[in-house]
C-alpha atoms as a PDB file:
ATOM      1  CA  GLN A   1      10.272 -11.479  -7.850  1.00  0.00           C
ATOM      2  CA  ALA A   2       7.072 -11.114  -6.010  1.00  0.00           C
ATOM      3  CA  GLN A   3       6.688 -12.732  -2.459  1.00  0.00           C
ATOM      4  CA  LEU A   4       3.962 -12.843   0.015  1.00  0.00           C
ATOM      5  CA  VAL A   5       4.672 -14.178   3.530  1.00  0.00           C
ATOM      6  CA  GLU A   6       2.149 -15.168   5.929  1.00  0.00           C
ATOM      7  CA  SER A   7       2.180 -15.283   9.793  1.00  0.00           C
ATOM      8  CA  GLY A   8      -0.047 -15.473  12.725  1.00  0.00           C
ATOM      9  CA  GLY A   9      -1.658 -18.871  12.281  1.00  0.00           C
ATOM     10  CA  GLY A  10      -1.991 -21.169  15.216  1.00  0.00           C
ATOM     11  CA  LEU A  11      -4.436 -23.096  17.464  1.00  0.00           C
ATOM     12  CA  VAL A  12      -7.310 -21.408  19.190  1.00  0.00           C
ATOM     13  CA  GLN A  13     -10.451 -22.459  20.964  1.00  0.00           C
ATOM     14  CA  ALA A  14     -13.703 -21.622  19.499  1.00  0.00           C
ATOM     15  CA  GLY A  15     -14.718 -18.125  20.229  1.00  0.00           C
ATOM     16  CA  GLY A  16     -11.302 -16.922  20.179  1.00  0.00           C
ATOM     17  CA  SER A  17      -9.502 -14.602  17.900  1.00  0.00           C
ATOM     18  CA  LEU A  18      -6.339 -14.609  15.660  1.00  0.00           C
ATOM     19  CA  ARG A  19      -4.707 -12.011  13.411  1.00  0.00           C
ATOM     20  CA  LEU A  20      -3.158 -13.105  10.339  1.00  0.00           C
ATOM     21  CA  SER A  21      -0.567 -10.858   8.616  1.00  0.00           C
ATOM     22  CA  CYS A  22       1.129 -10.957   5.267  1.00  0.00           C
ATOM     23  CA  VAL A  23       4.037  -8.979   3.939  1.00  0.00           C
ATOM     24  CA  ALA A  24       4.508  -8.342   0.349  1.00  0.00           C
ATOM     25  CA  SER A  25       7.757  -7.799  -1.328  1.00  0.00           C
ATOM     26  CA  GLY A  26       8.664  -7.335  -4.925  1.00  0.00           C
ATOM     27  CA  ARG A  27       8.371  -4.461  -7.581  1.00  0.00           C
ATOM     28  CA  ASN A  28       5.332  -6.358  -9.083  1.00  0.00           C
ATOM     29  CA  LEU A  29       3.233  -6.119  -5.924  1.00  0.00           C
ATOM     30  CA  SER A  30       2.848  -2.183  -6.000  1.00  0.00           C
ATOM     31  CA  LEU A  31      -0.713  -0.910  -6.280  1.00  0.00           C
ATOM     32  CA  THR A  32      -2.185  -4.380  -5.943  1.00  0.00           C
ATOM     33  CA  ALA A  33      -5.328  -5.486  -4.342  1.00  0.00           C
ATOM     34  CA  MET A  34      -4.639  -8.098  -1.387  1.00  0.00           C
ATOM     35  CA  GLY A  35      -6.758 -10.738   0.110  1.00  0.00           C
ATOM     36  CA  TRP A  36      -7.108 -14.166   1.829  1.00  0.00           C
ATOM     37  CA  ASP A  37      -8.021 -17.612   0.477  1.00  0.00           C
ATOM     38  CA  ARG A  38      -8.519 -20.669   2.675  1.00  0.00           C
ATOM     39  CA  GLN A  39      -8.496 -24.597   1.977  1.00  0.00           C
ATOM     40  CA  ALA A  40      -9.781 -26.908   4.448  1.00  0.00           C
ATOM     41  CA  PRO A  41      -9.245 -30.632   4.319  1.00  0.00           C
ATOM     42  CA  GLY A  42     -11.946 -32.119   2.363  1.00  0.00           C
ATOM     43  CA  LYS A  43     -13.654 -28.965   1.417  1.00  0.00           C
ATOM     44  CA  GLU A  44     -13.467 -26.647  -1.670  1.00  0.00           C
ATOM     45  CA  ARG A  45     -11.247 -23.718  -1.504  1.00  0.00           C
ATOM     46  CA  GLU A  46     -12.926 -20.708  -0.271  1.00  0.00           C
ATOM     47  CA  PHE A  47     -12.050 -17.022  -1.176  1.00  0.00           C
ATOM     48  CA  VAL A  48     -12.244 -15.143   2.222  1.00  0.00           C
ATOM     49  CA  ALA A  49     -11.875 -11.490   1.783  1.00  0.00           C
ATOM     50  CA  SER A  50     -10.036  -8.995  -0.176  1.00  0.00           C
ATOM     51  CA  ILE A  51      -9.175  -5.281  -0.054  1.00  0.00           C
ATOM     52  CA  SER A  52      -8.168  -2.706  -2.693  1.00  0.00           C
ATOM     53  CA  PHE A  53      -4.951  -1.035  -2.834  1.00  0.00           C
ATOM     54  CA  SER A  54      -6.602   2.332  -1.208  1.00  0.00           C
ATOM     55  CA  GLY A  55      -8.407   0.265   1.458  1.00  0.00           C
ATOM     56  CA  GLY A  56     -11.633   1.922   0.209  1.00  0.00           C
ATOM     57  CA  ASN A  57     -13.255  -1.374  -1.055  1.00  0.00           C
ATOM     58  CA  THR A  58     -13.442  -4.665   0.576  1.00  0.00           C
ATOM     59  CA  TYR A  59     -14.990  -8.059   0.089  1.00  0.00           C
ATOM     60  CA  TYR A  60     -15.903 -10.807   2.531  1.00  0.00           C
ATOM     61  CA  THR A  61     -17.561 -14.043   1.770  1.00  0.00           C
ATOM     62  CA  ASP A  62     -20.945 -14.611   3.488  1.00  0.00           C
ATOM     63  CA  SER A  63     -19.502 -17.188   6.106  1.00  0.00           C
ATOM     64  CA  VAL A  64     -17.100 -14.681   7.546  1.00  0.00           C
ATOM     65  CA  LYS A  65     -19.149 -11.359   7.510  1.00  0.00           C
ATOM     66  CA  GLY A  66     -19.485  -9.703  10.945  1.00  0.00           C
ATOM     67  CA  ARG A  67     -16.476 -11.855  12.246  1.00  0.00           C
ATOM     68  CA  PHE A  68     -13.614 -11.126  10.173  1.00  0.00           C
ATOM     69  CA  SER A  69     -12.081  -7.878   9.007  1.00  0.00           C
ATOM     70  CA  ILE A  70      -9.282  -7.139   6.550  1.00  0.00           C
ATOM     71  CA  SER A  71      -6.912  -4.200   6.502  1.00  0.00           C
ATOM     72  CA  ARG A  72      -3.722  -3.087   5.243  1.00  0.00           C
ATOM     73  CA  ASP A  73      -0.912  -0.761   5.784  1.00  0.00           C
ATOM     74  CA  ASN A  74       0.739   0.246   2.532  1.00  0.00           C
ATOM     75  CA  ALA A  75       3.737   1.891   4.264  1.00  0.00           C
ATOM     76  CA  GLU A  76       4.665  -1.575   5.661  1.00  0.00           C
ATOM     77  CA  ASN A  77       3.392  -3.501   2.666  1.00  0.00           C
ATOM     78  CA  THR A  78       1.193  -5.579   4.786  1.00  0.00           C
ATOM     79  CA  VAL A  79      -2.158  -6.786   4.872  1.00  0.00           C
ATOM     80  CA  TYR A  80      -3.892  -8.102   8.008  1.00  0.00           C
ATOM     81  CA  LEU A  81      -6.950 -10.400   8.653  1.00  0.00           C
ATOM     82  CA  GLN A  82      -8.526  -9.992  12.062  1.00  0.00           C
ATOM     83  CA  MET A  83     -10.537 -13.183  12.859  1.00  0.00           C
ATOM     84  CA  ASP A  84     -12.809 -13.004  15.754  1.00  0.00           C
ATOM     85  CA  ASN A  85     -15.617 -15.338  17.215  1.00  0.00           C
ATOM     86  CA  LEU A  86     -13.653 -18.354  15.424  1.00  0.00           C
ATOM     87  CA  LYS A  87     -15.503 -21.514  14.754  1.00  0.00           C
ATOM     88  CA  PRO A  88     -14.148 -25.009  14.136  1.00  0.00           C
ATOM     89  CA  GLU A  89     -15.259 -24.688  10.357  1.00  0.00           C
ATOM     90  CA  ASP A  90     -12.886 -21.818   9.982  1.00  0.00           C
ATOM     91  CA  THR A  91     -10.048 -24.518  10.393  1.00  0.00           C
ATOM     92  CA  ALA A  92      -7.997 -24.182   7.029  1.00  0.00           C
ATOM     93  CA  VAL A  93      -4.797 -23.191   5.530  1.00  0.00           C
ATOM     94  CA  TYR A  94      -5.057 -19.482   4.922  1.00  0.00           C
ATOM     95  CA  TYR A  95      -3.352 -18.129   1.789  1.00  0.00           C
ATOM     96  CA  CYS A  96      -2.421 -14.476   1.303  1.00  0.00           C
ATOM     97  CA  VAL A  97      -3.029 -13.510  -2.273  1.00  0.00           C
ATOM     98  CA  ALA A  98      -2.446 -10.147  -4.346  1.00  0.00           C
ATOM     99  CA  GLY A  99      -3.705  -9.047  -7.818  1.00  0.00           C
ATOM    100  CA  TYR A 100      -5.361  -6.725 -10.047  1.00  0.00           C
ATOM    101  CA  PRO A 101      -9.267  -7.010  -9.827  1.00  0.00           C
ATOM    102  CA  LYS A 102     -10.744  -4.279 -12.140  1.00  0.00           C
ATOM    103  CA  THR A 103     -14.276  -4.379 -10.570  1.00  0.00           C
ATOM    104  CA  LEU A 104     -16.061  -4.753  -7.453  1.00  0.00           C
ATOM    105  CA  ALA A 105     -17.434  -8.244  -8.530  1.00  0.00           C
ATOM    106  CA  ALA A 106     -13.745  -9.033  -9.388  1.00  0.00           C
ATOM    107  CA  MET A 107     -12.706  -8.392  -5.644  1.00  0.00           C
ATOM    108  CA  GLY A 108     -14.415 -11.744  -4.686  1.00  0.00           C
ATOM    109  CA  ASP A 109     -12.823 -13.797  -7.689  1.00  0.00           C
ATOM    110  CA  ARG A 110      -9.635 -15.464  -6.900  1.00  0.00           C
ATOM    111  CA  SER A 111      -8.878 -15.740 -10.645  1.00  0.00           C
ATOM    112  CA  HIS A 112      -8.018 -11.950 -10.476  1.00  0.00           C
ATOM    113  CA  PHE A 113      -5.459 -12.618  -7.797  1.00  0.00           C
ATOM    114  CA  VAL A 114      -2.149 -13.973  -9.467  1.00  0.00           C
ATOM    115  CA  TYR A 115       0.366 -13.759  -6.521  1.00  0.00           C
ATOM    116  CA  TRP A 116       0.137 -16.432  -3.707  1.00  0.00           C
ATOM    117  CA  GLY A 117       1.685 -16.949  -0.424  1.00  0.00           C
ATOM    118  CA  GLN A 118       2.753 -20.293   0.972  1.00  0.00           C
ATOM    119  CA  GLY A 119      -0.062 -20.469   3.573  1.00  0.00           C
ATOM    120  CA  THR A 120      -0.503 -20.543   7.407  1.00  0.00           C
ATOM    121  CA  GLN A 121      -2.526 -23.008   9.336  1.00  0.00           C
ATOM    122  CA  VAL A 122      -5.400 -22.041  11.414  1.00  0.00           C
ATOM    123  CA  THR A 123      -6.929 -24.702  13.616  1.00  0.00           C
ATOM    124  CA  VAL A 124      -9.973 -23.793  15.613  1.00  0.00           C
ATOM    125  CA  SER A 125     -10.827 -26.466  18.409  1.00  0.00           C
ATOM    126  CA  SER A 126     -14.385 -27.070  19.685  1.00  0.00           C
END
């Protein structure tokens, strides 16, 4: 059974940094792209970033470009989201996702990511 477990969330002041981690387990998760989605209270869900299995292709939503960086360690079945210069509007529950996007366009489409973690809360105070 596929499982994604996030960690690294917490409370940070604006301008600070956090690094989220997600460990994937389960045979079905081999060779998958992975990424992060977020849900803030009262706002629409936003697909934040994704990375291909090889790490050669990445996607970032416009609001985090230049501030967030996604990476992965396939030997450890782990994907990371380094978040710098955090803003109050980054406050959300962050979900790790995994899936099989076939095109670069699909890398930014959550419908291609079929496995989801339980989420980790990130709170940025002003």
